[in-house]
N, C-alpha and C. Protein backbone atom coordinates (compact mmCIF):
# COMPACT_ATOMS: atom_id res chain seq x y z
N MET A 1 112.43 92.13 104.32
CA MET A 1 112.59 90.99 105.06
C MET A 1 113.40 89.93 104.28
N SER A 2 114.40 89.40 105.08
CA SER A 2 114.96 88.20 104.56
C SER A 2 114.65 86.93 105.07
N GLU A 3 114.52 85.94 103.94
CA GLU A 3 113.68 84.76 103.96
C GLU A 3 113.56 84.03 104.67
N GLN A 4 114.61 83.98 105.62
CA GLN A 4 114.72 83.09 106.54
C GLN A 4 114.20 83.26 107.89
N GLN A 5 113.46 84.80 108.13
CA GLN A 5 112.77 85.16 108.97
C GLN A 5 111.67 83.70 109.07
N PRO A 6 111.30 83.14 110.49
CA PRO A 6 109.99 82.71 110.83
C PRO A 6 108.95 83.79 110.73
N ASP A 7 107.50 83.25 109.98
CA ASP A 7 106.47 84.19 110.29
C ASP A 7 105.93 84.73 111.58
N ASN A 8 106.19 83.78 112.42
CA ASN A 8 105.76 83.85 114.27
C ASN A 8 106.86 85.13 114.75
N ILE A 9 107.62 85.52 114.14
CA ILE A 9 108.70 86.76 114.74
C ILE A 9 107.88 87.56 114.81
N SER A 10 107.46 88.41 115.84
CA SER A 10 107.27 90.02 115.78
C SER A 10 107.74 90.63 115.17
N VAL A 11 107.74 91.88 114.70
CA VAL A 11 108.73 92.91 113.75
C VAL A 11 109.60 93.87 114.77
N VAL A 12 108.54 93.83 116.07
CA VAL A 12 109.19 94.34 117.38
C VAL A 12 110.13 94.04 117.82
N SER A 13 110.03 92.49 117.60
CA SER A 13 111.42 91.92 117.49
C SER A 13 112.34 91.69 117.18
N LEU A 14 112.20 91.63 115.72
CA LEU A 14 113.24 91.64 114.99
C LEU A 14 114.01 92.88 114.81
N ILE A 15 112.26 94.32 115.33
CA ILE A 15 113.81 94.94 114.65
C ILE A 15 114.73 95.47 115.90
N VAL A 16 113.95 95.30 117.19
CA VAL A 16 115.04 95.18 118.45
C VAL A 16 116.33 94.47 117.99
N ALA A 17 116.06 93.09 117.50
CA ALA A 17 117.25 92.00 118.07
C ALA A 17 118.45 93.05 117.16
N GLU A 18 117.77 93.22 115.39
CA GLU A 18 118.49 93.78 114.35
C GLU A 18 119.24 95.20 115.07
N ALA A 19 118.74 95.82 116.07
CA ALA A 19 119.28 97.21 116.54
C ALA A 19 120.03 97.10 117.48
N MET A 20 120.29 95.78 118.07
CA MET A 20 121.06 95.34 118.92
C MET A 20 122.51 94.82 118.03
N SER A 21 121.91 94.15 117.09
CA SER A 21 123.08 93.65 116.81
C SER A 21 124.35 94.96 115.63
N TRP A 22 123.79 95.86 116.14
CA TRP A 22 124.77 96.98 115.81
C TRP A 22 125.36 97.32 116.32
N LEU A 23 125.14 97.74 117.95
CA LEU A 23 126.21 97.86 118.52
C LEU A 23 127.63 97.93 118.68
N GLY A 24 128.59 99.05 118.64
CA GLY A 24 129.59 98.65 118.32
C GLY A 24 130.13 99.54 117.35
N THR A 25 129.30 100.11 116.25
CA THR A 25 129.48 99.94 114.77
C THR A 25 130.36 101.34 114.73
N PRO A 26 130.99 102.14 114.59
CA PRO A 26 131.48 102.94 114.69
C PRO A 26 130.63 103.90 113.96
N TYR A 27 131.22 105.19 114.34
CA TYR A 27 130.19 106.23 114.25
C TYR A 27 131.00 106.55 112.76
N ARG A 28 130.48 107.17 111.75
CA ARG A 28 130.42 107.35 110.22
C ARG A 28 129.45 108.06 109.69
N HIS A 29 129.36 109.48 109.10
CA HIS A 29 128.67 110.14 108.61
C HIS A 29 127.92 110.02 107.31
N GLN A 30 126.59 109.50 106.61
CA GLN A 30 126.34 109.04 106.31
C GLN A 30 126.30 107.86 105.79
N GLY A 31 127.40 107.03 106.64
CA GLY A 31 127.13 105.23 106.57
C GLY A 31 126.11 104.52 106.97
N ARG A 32 125.94 103.21 106.54
CA ARG A 32 124.72 102.95 106.50
C ARG A 32 124.79 101.14 106.58
N ARG A 33 126.08 100.91 107.15
CA ARG A 33 126.92 99.86 107.42
C ARG A 33 127.28 98.77 108.93
N LYS A 34 126.76 98.15 108.81
CA LYS A 34 126.80 97.43 110.12
C LYS A 34 128.02 96.90 110.48
N GLY A 35 128.81 97.32 111.62
CA GLY A 35 130.43 96.87 111.46
C GLY A 35 130.77 97.85 110.90
N VAL A 36 130.79 98.18 109.56
CA VAL A 36 131.90 99.28 109.62
C VAL A 36 131.63 100.98 109.48
N GLY A 37 130.38 101.08 109.80
CA GLY A 37 129.93 102.68 109.74
C GLY A 37 128.47 103.41 109.29
N CYS A 38 128.50 103.85 110.73
CA CYS A 38 126.36 104.70 110.66
C CYS A 38 126.77 105.36 111.12
N ASP A 39 125.80 106.28 111.06
CA ASP A 39 124.91 107.64 111.52
C ASP A 39 124.00 107.30 112.06
N CYS A 40 123.15 108.10 112.90
CA CYS A 40 121.67 107.37 113.26
C CYS A 40 120.73 107.39 111.92
N LEU A 41 120.96 107.80 110.76
CA LEU A 41 120.27 107.79 109.79
C LEU A 41 120.03 106.49 109.06
N GLY A 42 121.53 106.08 108.84
CA GLY A 42 121.69 104.66 108.51
C GLY A 42 121.89 103.02 109.30
N LEU A 43 121.70 104.24 110.72
CA LEU A 43 121.50 102.92 111.63
C LEU A 43 120.07 102.54 111.22
N VAL A 44 119.09 103.18 111.34
CA VAL A 44 117.65 103.33 110.94
C VAL A 44 117.08 102.78 109.73
N LEU A 45 118.36 103.63 108.85
CA LEU A 45 118.28 102.39 107.37
C LEU A 45 118.73 101.11 107.63
N GLY A 46 119.05 100.57 107.56
CA GLY A 46 119.74 99.65 107.99
C GLY A 46 119.56 98.90 108.71
N VAL A 47 118.48 98.70 109.65
CA VAL A 47 117.51 98.18 110.39
C VAL A 47 116.35 97.83 109.90
N TRP A 48 116.37 98.74 109.02
CA TRP A 48 115.15 98.48 107.87
C TRP A 48 115.15 97.60 106.65
N ARG A 49 116.62 97.97 106.25
CA ARG A 49 116.76 97.22 105.32
C ARG A 49 116.56 95.50 105.76
N ALA A 50 117.38 95.39 107.09
CA ALA A 50 117.41 93.36 107.57
C ALA A 50 116.11 93.00 107.75
N VAL A 51 114.75 94.05 108.36
CA VAL A 51 114.11 93.57 108.68
C VAL A 51 113.06 93.30 107.33
N TYR A 52 113.38 94.61 106.22
CA TYR A 52 111.99 94.32 105.54
C TYR A 52 112.95 94.34 103.97
N GLY A 53 113.97 94.42 103.93
CA GLY A 53 114.49 93.60 102.43
C GLY A 53 115.07 94.90 102.07
N ASN A 54 114.58 95.99 101.78
CA ASN A 54 115.13 97.31 101.41
C ASN A 54 114.59 98.41 102.40
N GLU A 55 115.22 99.70 101.55
CA GLU A 55 115.09 100.64 101.89
C GLU A 55 113.93 101.14 102.12
N PRO A 56 113.30 102.38 102.83
CA PRO A 56 111.95 102.56 102.11
C PRO A 56 112.18 103.68 101.49
N GLU A 57 113.34 104.88 101.42
CA GLU A 57 113.79 105.57 100.45
C GLU A 57 114.90 106.26 100.43
N GLN A 58 115.50 106.62 99.43
CA GLN A 58 117.41 107.19 99.52
C GLN A 58 117.19 108.44 99.79
N PRO A 59 117.46 109.26 101.09
CA PRO A 59 118.20 110.08 101.04
C PRO A 59 119.17 110.44 100.24
N ALA A 60 118.78 112.28 100.18
CA ALA A 60 120.00 112.37 99.12
C ALA A 60 120.87 113.12 100.12
N ASP A 61 122.34 113.46 99.62
CA ASP A 61 124.04 113.75 100.54
C ASP A 61 123.17 114.78 101.28
N TYR A 62 123.92 114.16 102.60
CA TYR A 62 123.55 115.64 103.64
C TYR A 62 124.73 116.19 104.44
N ALA A 63 125.27 117.60 104.59
CA ALA A 63 125.99 118.13 105.14
C ALA A 63 125.32 117.55 106.74
N PRO A 64 126.95 117.57 107.86
CA PRO A 64 126.51 117.18 109.28
C PRO A 64 125.91 118.42 109.88
N ASP A 65 125.52 120.01 109.30
CA ASP A 65 124.71 120.75 109.73
C ASP A 65 123.21 120.95 109.03
N TRP A 66 122.84 120.30 108.11
CA TRP A 66 121.37 119.46 107.63
C TRP A 66 120.52 120.24 108.02
N ALA A 67 120.08 120.31 109.39
CA ALA A 67 119.15 120.63 110.07
C ALA A 67 119.17 121.97 110.41
N GLU A 68 120.35 122.86 110.78
CA GLU A 68 120.02 123.68 110.90
C GLU A 68 120.09 124.79 109.39
N ALA A 69 121.10 124.20 108.43
CA ALA A 69 120.91 125.45 107.47
C ALA A 69 119.75 125.26 106.34
N GLY A 70 118.60 124.14 106.28
CA GLY A 70 118.05 123.79 105.51
C GLY A 70 116.34 124.50 105.96
N GLY A 71 115.83 124.23 107.70
CA GLY A 71 115.37 124.26 107.96
C GLY A 71 113.85 123.39 107.85
N GLN A 72 114.25 123.01 107.20
CA GLN A 72 112.94 121.86 106.98
C GLN A 72 112.95 120.54 107.38
N ASP A 73 111.99 119.59 108.32
CA ASP A 73 112.13 119.18 109.33
C ASP A 73 111.53 117.87 107.87
N LEU A 74 112.69 117.58 107.49
CA LEU A 74 112.18 116.39 106.42
C LEU A 74 112.69 114.78 107.08
N MET A 75 113.41 114.95 108.61
CA MET A 75 113.46 113.72 108.71
C MET A 75 111.97 113.22 109.97
N LEU A 76 111.12 114.04 110.15
CA LEU A 76 110.44 114.12 110.54
C LEU A 76 109.54 113.73 109.56
N ALA A 77 109.17 114.28 108.51
CA ALA A 77 108.32 114.10 107.30
C ALA A 77 108.52 112.52 106.51
N ALA A 78 109.32 111.97 106.58
CA ALA A 78 109.92 110.83 106.23
C ALA A 78 109.67 110.11 106.98
N ALA A 79 109.65 110.31 107.99
CA ALA A 79 109.04 108.98 109.47
C ALA A 79 107.55 108.96 108.90
N ARG A 80 107.04 110.41 108.93
CA ARG A 80 105.27 110.09 108.65
C ARG A 80 105.17 109.24 107.54
N ARG A 81 105.52 109.81 106.17
CA ARG A 81 105.70 108.61 104.68
C ARG A 81 105.56 107.32 105.27
N HIS A 82 106.21 106.82 106.54
CA HIS A 82 106.91 105.19 106.30
C HIS A 82 106.25 104.63 107.47
N CYS A 83 106.27 105.51 108.25
CA CYS A 83 105.51 104.18 109.53
C CYS A 83 104.54 105.34 110.25
N ALA A 84 104.16 104.55 111.45
CA ALA A 84 102.38 105.17 112.34
C ALA A 84 103.37 105.96 113.80
N GLU A 85 102.46 106.59 113.12
CA GLU A 85 103.25 108.30 114.10
C GLU A 85 102.41 107.46 115.78
N LYS A 86 102.60 107.84 116.51
CA LYS A 86 102.19 107.14 118.27
C LYS A 86 102.40 108.84 119.00
N PRO A 87 101.26 108.86 120.38
CA PRO A 87 101.05 109.19 121.12
C PRO A 87 102.90 109.46 122.12
N PHE A 88 103.15 110.18 122.36
CA PHE A 88 104.59 110.28 123.41
C PHE A 88 104.26 109.33 124.48
N GLY A 89 103.05 109.62 125.34
CA GLY A 89 102.90 108.50 125.65
C GLY A 89 102.78 106.56 125.22
N GLN A 90 102.77 106.40 124.29
CA GLN A 90 102.64 104.92 124.22
C GLN A 90 104.25 105.01 123.37
N LEU A 91 105.24 104.88 123.59
CA LEU A 91 106.36 105.32 123.85
C LEU A 91 106.88 103.49 123.77
N SER A 92 107.14 102.33 123.35
CA SER A 92 108.02 100.96 123.45
C SER A 92 108.79 100.49 122.33
N ALA A 93 109.23 99.67 123.08
CA ALA A 93 110.46 99.02 122.39
C ALA A 93 109.89 98.61 120.92
N GLY A 94 110.84 98.45 119.70
CA GLY A 94 110.38 98.66 118.55
C GLY A 94 110.21 100.34 118.10
N ASP A 95 110.12 101.05 118.64
CA ASP A 95 109.46 102.12 117.97
C ASP A 95 110.94 102.53 117.68
N LEU A 96 110.40 104.01 116.78
CA LEU A 96 111.14 104.32 115.68
C LEU A 96 111.22 106.39 116.78
N VAL A 97 111.92 106.61 117.27
CA VAL A 97 112.14 108.39 118.12
C VAL A 97 112.93 108.92 117.18
N LEU A 98 112.47 110.06 117.00
CA LEU A 98 113.29 111.17 116.78
C LEU A 98 113.30 112.64 117.83
N PHE A 99 114.95 112.76 117.77
CA PHE A 99 114.70 113.89 118.56
C PHE A 99 115.01 115.26 117.96
N ARG A 100 114.99 116.39 118.40
CA ARG A 100 115.07 117.73 117.98
C ARG A 100 116.21 118.42 118.96
N TRP A 101 117.74 119.05 118.57
CA TRP A 101 118.61 119.53 119.71
C TRP A 101 117.50 120.69 120.69
N ARG A 102 116.78 121.88 119.25
CA ARG A 102 116.43 122.64 120.01
C ARG A 102 115.35 122.99 119.64
N PRO A 103 114.00 123.50 120.27
CA PRO A 103 112.68 123.77 120.14
C PRO A 103 112.58 124.16 118.58
N HIS A 104 113.16 125.19 118.48
CA HIS A 104 113.11 126.09 116.74
C HIS A 104 113.48 125.18 116.24
N LEU A 105 114.26 123.89 116.14
CA LEU A 105 115.21 123.23 114.62
C LEU A 105 114.31 121.93 114.28
N PRO A 106 114.51 121.85 113.11
CA PRO A 106 114.07 120.32 112.76
C PRO A 106 114.53 119.25 113.76
N ALA A 107 113.99 117.92 113.50
CA ALA A 107 114.45 116.74 114.39
C ALA A 107 115.60 116.38 113.35
N LYS A 108 116.66 115.84 114.47
CA LYS A 108 118.00 115.98 113.58
C LYS A 108 118.11 113.98 114.23
N HIS A 109 118.00 113.90 114.97
CA HIS A 109 118.69 112.51 115.44
C HIS A 109 117.59 111.30 115.35
N ALA A 110 117.99 109.87 115.32
CA ALA A 110 116.94 109.16 115.12
C ALA A 110 117.36 107.94 115.94
N ALA A 111 116.87 107.39 116.49
CA ALA A 111 117.04 105.93 117.63
C ALA A 111 115.54 104.90 117.36
N ILE A 112 116.31 103.71 118.21
CA ILE A 112 115.45 102.92 118.07
C ILE A 112 114.85 102.25 119.44
N MET A 113 113.87 102.38 119.80
CA MET A 113 113.95 101.84 121.19
C MET A 113 114.13 100.09 121.45
N THR A 114 114.78 100.22 122.49
CA THR A 114 114.86 98.32 122.87
C THR A 114 113.96 98.39 124.33
N ALA A 115 113.46 98.85 125.09
CA ALA A 115 112.49 98.61 125.93
C ALA A 115 112.32 99.99 126.27
N PRO A 116 111.30 100.06 127.67
CA PRO A 116 110.21 101.31 127.81
C PRO A 116 111.48 102.42 128.14
N GLU A 117 112.90 102.51 128.31
CA GLU A 117 113.28 103.59 128.58
C GLU A 117 114.63 103.18 128.21
N ARG A 118 115.11 102.88 127.48
CA ARG A 118 116.72 102.43 126.32
C ARG A 118 116.19 102.69 125.21
N PHE A 119 117.32 102.98 124.43
CA PHE A 119 117.28 103.37 122.92
C PHE A 119 118.50 102.74 122.70
N ILE A 120 118.81 102.82 121.29
CA ILE A 120 119.95 102.52 120.12
C ILE A 120 120.28 103.64 118.89
N HIS A 121 121.31 103.95 119.43
CA HIS A 121 121.58 105.10 118.11
C HIS A 121 123.25 105.34 117.89
N ALA A 122 123.46 106.25 116.75
CA ALA A 122 124.53 106.05 116.48
C ALA A 122 124.94 107.29 116.89
N TYR A 123 125.82 107.39 117.62
CA TYR A 123 126.32 109.32 118.67
C TYR A 123 127.62 109.71 117.76
N GLN A 124 127.61 110.12 117.78
CA GLN A 124 128.62 111.32 116.86
C GLN A 124 129.71 111.87 117.96
N GLY A 125 130.92 110.89 116.89
CA GLY A 125 132.22 110.95 118.25
C GLY A 125 132.71 109.25 119.00
N HIS A 126 131.48 109.15 118.75
CA HIS A 126 131.39 107.47 119.63
C HIS A 126 131.29 106.60 118.25
N GLU A 127 130.26 106.10 118.78
CA GLU A 127 129.50 104.62 118.06
C GLU A 127 128.19 104.41 118.25
N VAL A 128 127.80 103.13 117.62
CA VAL A 128 126.79 102.96 118.33
C VAL A 128 126.46 102.70 119.46
N VAL A 129 125.27 102.90 120.37
CA VAL A 129 125.60 102.84 121.43
C VAL A 129 123.81 103.05 122.48
N ALA A 130 124.34 102.43 123.73
CA ALA A 130 122.51 101.67 123.87
C ALA A 130 122.66 102.72 125.02
N SER A 131 121.28 103.50 125.14
CA SER A 131 121.69 105.16 126.63
C SER A 131 120.13 105.16 126.70
N ALA A 132 120.14 105.27 128.25
CA ALA A 132 118.59 105.55 128.54
C ALA A 132 117.70 106.57 128.58
N LEU A 133 116.75 106.14 128.14
CA LEU A 133 115.51 108.01 127.99
C LEU A 133 115.57 108.35 128.97
N VAL A 134 116.47 109.11 129.53
CA VAL A 134 117.20 110.20 130.75
C VAL A 134 115.94 111.16 130.79
N PRO A 135 115.62 112.15 131.24
CA PRO A 135 115.19 113.09 131.08
C PRO A 135 115.34 114.15 130.04
N GLN A 136 116.79 114.15 130.06
CA GLN A 136 117.86 115.35 128.67
C GLN A 136 117.04 114.84 127.80
N TRP A 137 117.23 113.44 126.77
CA TRP A 137 116.87 112.82 125.85
C TRP A 137 115.04 112.98 125.58
N ARG A 138 114.37 112.85 127.11
CA ARG A 138 112.77 112.47 126.29
C ARG A 138 112.50 114.57 126.11
N SER A 139 112.73 115.06 126.80
CA SER A 139 112.45 116.72 126.74
C SER A 139 112.85 117.00 125.34
N ARG A 140 113.52 116.04 124.36
CA ARG A 140 114.39 116.53 123.08
C ARG A 140 113.40 115.92 121.72
N ILE A 141 112.53 114.99 122.37
CA ILE A 141 111.80 113.86 121.76
C ILE A 141 110.75 115.04 120.75
N ALA A 142 111.15 114.58 119.39
CA ALA A 142 110.06 115.47 118.36
C ALA A 142 109.00 114.16 117.91
N GLY A 143 108.89 113.13 117.65
CA GLY A 143 107.91 112.75 116.95
C GLY A 143 108.69 110.95 117.72
N VAL A 144 107.35 109.83 117.69
CA VAL A 144 107.33 108.79 117.91
C VAL A 144 106.49 107.64 116.58
N PHE A 145 107.16 106.72 116.04
CA PHE A 145 106.69 106.55 115.34
C PHE A 145 106.82 104.85 115.27
N ALA A 146 105.84 103.89 114.80
CA ALA A 146 105.55 102.33 115.14
C ALA A 146 106.40 102.21 113.79
N PHE A 147 107.37 101.60 113.52
CA PHE A 147 107.34 100.61 112.23
C PHE A 147 106.53 100.00 111.65
N PRO A 148 106.14 99.66 110.36
CA PRO A 148 105.19 99.18 109.52
C PRO A 148 104.64 97.65 109.93
N GLU A 149 103.55 96.94 109.88
CA GLU A 149 104.02 95.67 109.75
C GLU A 149 104.47 95.26 108.72
N LYS A 150 105.38 93.74 109.08
CA LYS A 150 106.10 92.87 108.35
C LYS A 150 105.12 93.01 107.36
N PRO A 151 105.60 92.37 105.98
CA PRO A 151 104.61 92.29 105.27
C PRO A 151 104.53 90.62 104.79
N GLN A 152 102.98 90.16 104.39
CA GLN A 152 103.07 88.92 104.73
C GLN A 152 103.34 88.58 103.58
N SER A 153 103.76 88.60 102.67
CA SER A 153 104.83 88.22 101.57
C SER A 153 105.39 88.64 100.42
N ARG A 154 106.40 88.62 99.58
CA ARG A 154 107.22 89.19 99.59
C ARG A 154 107.67 89.03 97.89
């Protein structure tokens, strides 16, 4: 976490504010730089880096069709290693949400909730945008996770 952040600001507030500051960042496969370019994973890693001071782990290079080709649920496994899984019904602002495009495929898309029915994500062919959690998105949720509480000292 950045040393300038006051201790009384909640992790949720920091995560939501940081995610919102990425709005308009162009989509770039494997990108992780605010204002320059990112994909959905790069957005999550960039927000994590801004809030916690470093990324939880470095993913290997990945092709755009990695989930379809590999078959392993790598994104879901990584989220379980670093965040606390929550029931879908407890989805709230500041949560990490993973989506799968089809029931038989691994989770492939990540977003950060900013309000009960709104999320921010890097959308291929577009940029980092805010979207409504409409039924078409809600039906694709593969997992909901709370980011860890911020470290007390670094």
